[in-house]
Every structure is written in C-alpha cells, then in structure tokens.
C-alpha cells in the first residue's frame, strides 16, 4: 500500500493525495513535478530509480487507508542522482 507522502522531499511543496504533480520512485521517495523534471532529471536522488506520476487513491478508499502525514524534506534540497 502506497504511503502517499504529503510533500516534496526537495522543496517541501505540499502534495495532497489527489495531486497530479506528485512523482515517486519504486521506494516511494516523493517529489513535485517541478523538482522531478528539473534538477532531478527524472531520477530519484536517493536510489537513482525512475520517477513516475504517483497514482491517485480514490477518495472513498482514503477513509480506510489514509495518506501519510509525515513530512520528509532534505535540509539542503536535492542534487541530481549520480
């Protein structure tokens, strides 16, 4: 089950569960589309994996399986994957 993390790890932008701007890797590292497509060039800075659009969980399913509220933001922002 995806955590649906609440913000971009690079810039802290809010990414609510229904956001079309959320991008994730296979480990669920979460970024906004601006960071993912900009500085990160489509690659996760943590694992080097591909960043893809996060699926949207239907609203009725969020009641049973709510999105995470734990924010993770890199203090120094993000650098491209090596």
N, C-alpha and C. Protein backbone atom coordinates (compact mmCIF):
# COMPACT_ATOMS: atom_id res chain seq x y z
N UNK A 1 0.84 -1.17 0.00
CA UNK A 1 0.00 0.00 0.00
C UNK A 1 0.89 1.24 0.00
N UNK A 2 0.70 2.13 -0.96
CA UNK A 2 1.48 3.37 -1.02
C UNK A 2 1.18 4.26 0.18
N UNK A 3 2.22 4.90 0.70
CA UNK A 3 2.06 5.82 1.83
C UNK A 3 1.36 7.11 1.44
N UNK A 4 1.52 7.53 0.20
CA UNK A 4 1.03 8.84 -0.27
C UNK A 4 1.59 9.94 0.63
N UNK A 5 2.91 10.10 0.55
CA UNK A 5 3.61 11.09 1.38
C UNK A 5 3.13 12.50 1.04
N UNK A 6 3.12 13.40 2.04
CA UNK A 6 2.44 14.68 1.89
C UNK A 6 3.20 15.82 1.22
N UNK A 7 4.50 15.62 0.91
CA UNK A 7 5.24 16.76 0.35
C UNK A 7 6.44 16.30 -0.47
N UNK A 8 6.99 17.25 -1.20
CA UNK A 8 8.20 17.03 -1.99
C UNK A 8 9.40 16.98 -1.05
N UNK A 9 10.24 15.96 -1.21
CA UNK A 9 11.43 15.83 -0.37
C UNK A 9 12.46 16.91 -0.67
N UNK A 10 12.41 17.53 -1.86
CA UNK A 10 13.39 18.56 -2.23
C UNK A 10 13.01 19.94 -1.71
N UNK A 11 11.79 20.37 -2.03
CA UNK A 11 11.41 21.76 -1.75
C UNK A 11 10.31 21.91 -0.72
N UNK A 12 9.69 20.82 -0.29
CA UNK A 12 8.65 20.89 0.72
C UNK A 12 7.26 21.23 0.20
N UNK A 13 7.11 21.37 -1.11
CA UNK A 13 5.79 21.67 -1.68
C UNK A 13 4.78 20.62 -1.24
N UNK A 14 3.60 21.07 -0.82
CA UNK A 14 2.54 20.16 -0.43
C UNK A 14 2.06 19.34 -1.63
N UNK A 15 1.88 18.05 -1.41
CA UNK A 15 1.38 17.14 -2.43
C UNK A 15 0.24 16.32 -1.85
N UNK A 16 -0.98 16.88 -1.85
CA UNK A 16 -2.11 16.15 -1.30
C UNK A 16 -2.37 14.85 -2.06
N UNK A 17 -3.12 13.94 -1.49
CA UNK A 17 -3.35 12.63 -2.12
C UNK A 17 -3.85 12.68 -3.56
N UNK A 18 -4.62 13.70 -3.91
CA UNK A 18 -5.17 13.79 -5.28
C UNK A 18 -4.29 14.60 -6.23
N UNK A 19 -3.09 14.96 -5.81
CA UNK A 19 -2.22 15.79 -6.64
C UNK A 19 -1.74 15.06 -7.89
N UNK A 20 -1.85 15.74 -9.02
CA UNK A 20 -1.31 15.22 -10.27
C UNK A 20 0.16 15.60 -10.41
N UNK A 21 0.68 16.37 -9.48
CA UNK A 21 2.06 16.85 -9.53
C UNK A 21 3.04 15.95 -8.78
N UNK A 22 2.56 14.94 -8.07
CA UNK A 22 3.43 14.07 -7.27
C UNK A 22 4.15 13.05 -8.14
N UNK A 23 5.43 12.87 -7.90
CA UNK A 23 6.24 11.87 -8.59
C UNK A 23 6.89 10.99 -7.53
N UNK A 24 6.99 9.68 -7.82
CA UNK A 24 7.59 8.74 -6.86
C UNK A 24 8.53 7.78 -7.59
N UNK A 25 9.44 7.19 -6.81
CA UNK A 25 10.28 6.09 -7.31
C UNK A 25 9.71 4.80 -6.75
N UNK A 26 10.35 3.69 -7.01
CA UNK A 26 9.84 2.39 -6.54
C UNK A 26 9.93 2.25 -5.01
N UNK A 27 10.69 3.13 -4.35
CA UNK A 27 10.77 3.11 -2.89
C UNK A 27 9.83 4.15 -2.26
N UNK A 28 9.05 4.82 -3.07
CA UNK A 28 8.09 5.84 -2.66
C UNK A 28 8.71 7.17 -2.25
N UNK A 29 9.98 7.39 -2.57
CA UNK A 29 10.53 8.72 -2.37
C UNK A 29 9.63 9.64 -3.20
N UNK A 30 9.28 10.80 -2.67
CA UNK A 30 8.24 11.63 -3.27
C UNK A 30 8.75 13.02 -3.59
N UNK A 31 8.46 13.48 -4.79
CA UNK A 31 8.91 14.78 -5.27
C UNK A 31 7.82 15.46 -6.08
N UNK A 32 7.85 16.79 -6.16
CA UNK A 32 6.91 17.50 -7.01
C UNK A 32 7.40 17.39 -8.46
N UNK A 33 6.51 17.64 -9.40
CA UNK A 33 6.88 17.51 -10.80
C UNK A 33 7.97 18.51 -11.20
N UNK A 34 7.95 19.71 -10.60
CA UNK A 34 8.97 20.71 -10.93
C UNK A 34 10.37 20.22 -10.56
N UNK A 35 10.53 19.67 -9.37
CA UNK A 35 11.84 19.15 -8.95
C UNK A 35 12.20 17.89 -9.73
N UNK A 36 11.22 17.01 -9.90
CA UNK A 36 11.47 15.74 -10.60
C UNK A 36 11.92 15.96 -12.03
N UNK A 37 11.26 16.87 -12.71
CA UNK A 37 11.58 17.11 -14.12
C UNK A 37 12.70 18.12 -14.29
N UNK A 38 12.95 18.92 -13.24
CA UNK A 38 14.00 19.93 -13.30
C UNK A 38 15.33 19.40 -12.82
N UNK A 39 15.71 19.76 -11.61
CA UNK A 39 17.02 19.42 -11.06
C UNK A 39 17.28 17.91 -11.03
N UNK A 40 16.24 17.10 -10.86
CA UNK A 40 16.44 15.65 -10.74
C UNK A 40 16.44 14.92 -12.08
N UNK A 41 16.01 15.58 -13.14
CA UNK A 41 16.02 15.00 -14.49
C UNK A 41 15.38 13.61 -14.54
N UNK A 42 14.29 13.42 -13.77
CA UNK A 42 13.55 12.17 -13.83
C UNK A 42 14.12 11.00 -13.04
N UNK A 43 15.15 11.25 -12.22
CA UNK A 43 15.80 10.19 -11.44
C UNK A 43 15.77 10.52 -9.96
N UNK A 44 15.49 9.52 -9.14
CA UNK A 44 15.47 9.70 -7.69
C UNK A 44 16.89 9.95 -7.19
N UNK A 45 17.10 11.01 -6.39
CA UNK A 45 18.44 11.29 -5.87
C UNK A 45 18.87 10.30 -4.78
N UNK A 46 17.92 9.54 -4.26
CA UNK A 46 18.22 8.58 -3.19
C UNK A 46 18.65 7.22 -3.74
N UNK A 47 17.93 6.73 -4.76
CA UNK A 47 18.22 5.38 -5.28
C UNK A 47 18.61 5.36 -6.76
N UNK A 48 18.43 6.47 -7.46
CA UNK A 48 18.75 6.53 -8.88
C UNK A 48 17.64 5.98 -9.77
N UNK A 49 16.53 5.56 -9.16
CA UNK A 49 15.43 5.00 -9.92
C UNK A 49 14.61 6.04 -10.66
N UNK A 50 13.80 5.56 -11.57
CA UNK A 50 12.92 6.41 -12.38
C UNK A 50 11.83 7.03 -11.51
N UNK A 51 11.52 8.29 -11.77
CA UNK A 51 10.42 8.97 -11.10
C UNK A 51 9.21 8.98 -12.03
N UNK A 52 8.10 8.51 -11.52
CA UNK A 52 6.86 8.43 -12.32
C UNK A 52 5.72 9.10 -11.54
N UNK A 53 4.62 9.42 -12.24
CA UNK A 53 3.48 10.05 -11.58
C UNK A 53 2.90 9.11 -10.55
N UNK A 54 2.65 9.64 -9.37
CA UNK A 54 2.05 8.84 -8.30
C UNK A 54 0.57 8.64 -8.61
N UNK A 55 0.08 7.40 -8.48
CA UNK A 55 -1.35 7.17 -8.72
C UNK A 55 -2.20 7.85 -7.65
N UNK A 56 -3.44 8.13 -8.01
CA UNK A 56 -4.37 8.77 -7.08
C UNK A 56 -5.27 7.71 -6.48
N UNK A 57 -5.31 7.67 -5.16
CA UNK A 57 -6.19 6.74 -4.45
C UNK A 57 -7.60 7.34 -4.43
N UNK A 58 -8.61 6.57 -4.81
CA UNK A 58 -9.98 7.09 -4.78
C UNK A 58 -10.34 7.60 -3.38
N UNK A 59 -11.11 8.69 -3.34
CA UNK A 59 -11.46 9.35 -2.09
C UNK A 59 -12.11 8.40 -1.09
N UNK A 60 -12.97 7.50 -1.55
CA UNK A 60 -13.62 6.59 -0.61
C UNK A 60 -12.63 5.60 0.01
N UNK A 61 -11.54 5.32 -0.68
CA UNK A 61 -10.50 4.42 -0.14
C UNK A 61 -9.58 5.13 0.84
N UNK A 62 -9.48 6.46 0.71
CA UNK A 62 -8.65 7.22 1.65
C UNK A 62 -9.21 7.15 3.07
N UNK A 63 -10.50 6.93 3.19
CA UNK A 63 -11.11 6.82 4.52
C UNK A 63 -10.56 5.60 5.27
N UNK A 64 -10.41 4.50 4.55
CA UNK A 64 -9.89 3.27 5.17
C UNK A 64 -8.37 3.24 5.21
N UNK A 65 -7.73 3.81 4.19
CA UNK A 65 -6.27 3.82 4.06
C UNK A 65 -5.80 5.26 3.83
N UNK A 66 -5.73 6.07 4.89
CA UNK A 66 -5.38 7.49 4.72
C UNK A 66 -3.93 7.71 4.29
N UNK A 67 -3.71 8.87 3.71
CA UNK A 67 -2.37 9.26 3.29
C UNK A 67 -1.50 9.54 4.51
N UNK A 68 -0.21 9.42 4.33
CA UNK A 68 0.75 9.72 5.40
C UNK A 68 0.72 11.21 5.72
N UNK A 69 1.05 11.56 6.94
CA UNK A 69 1.18 12.96 7.34
C UNK A 69 2.62 13.30 7.71
N UNK A 70 3.50 12.31 7.63
CA UNK A 70 4.91 12.51 7.99
C UNK A 70 5.65 13.18 6.85
N UNK A 71 6.16 14.39 7.12
CA UNK A 71 6.88 15.16 6.11
C UNK A 71 8.37 14.82 6.16
N UNK A 72 8.97 14.61 4.98
CA UNK A 72 10.41 14.38 4.86
C UNK A 72 10.91 15.39 3.84
N UNK A 73 11.77 16.31 4.28
CA UNK A 73 12.32 17.32 3.38
C UNK A 73 13.81 17.39 3.61
N UNK A 74 14.59 17.32 2.54
CA UNK A 74 16.04 17.41 2.64
C UNK A 74 16.43 18.84 3.00
N UNK A 75 17.18 19.02 4.08
CA UNK A 75 17.57 20.35 4.53
C UNK A 75 18.32 21.15 3.45
N UNK A 76 19.17 20.48 2.71
CA UNK A 76 19.96 21.15 1.70
C UNK A 76 19.35 21.07 0.30
N UNK A 77 18.08 20.66 0.22
CA UNK A 77 17.46 20.50 -1.09
C UNK A 77 17.98 19.24 -1.78
N UNK A 78 17.79 19.16 -3.06
CA UNK A 78 18.20 17.95 -3.80
C UNK A 78 19.30 18.22 -4.79
N UNK A 79 20.06 17.19 -5.01
CA UNK A 79 21.08 17.19 -6.06
C UNK A 79 20.75 16.04 -6.99
N UNK A 80 21.06 16.15 -8.26
CA UNK A 80 20.77 15.07 -9.21
C UNK A 80 21.41 13.75 -8.77
N UNK A 81 20.79 12.65 -9.17
CA UNK A 81 21.34 11.32 -8.89
C UNK A 81 22.68 11.17 -9.59
N UNK A 82 23.59 10.50 -8.93
CA UNK A 82 24.95 10.32 -9.50
C UNK A 82 24.95 9.23 -10.54
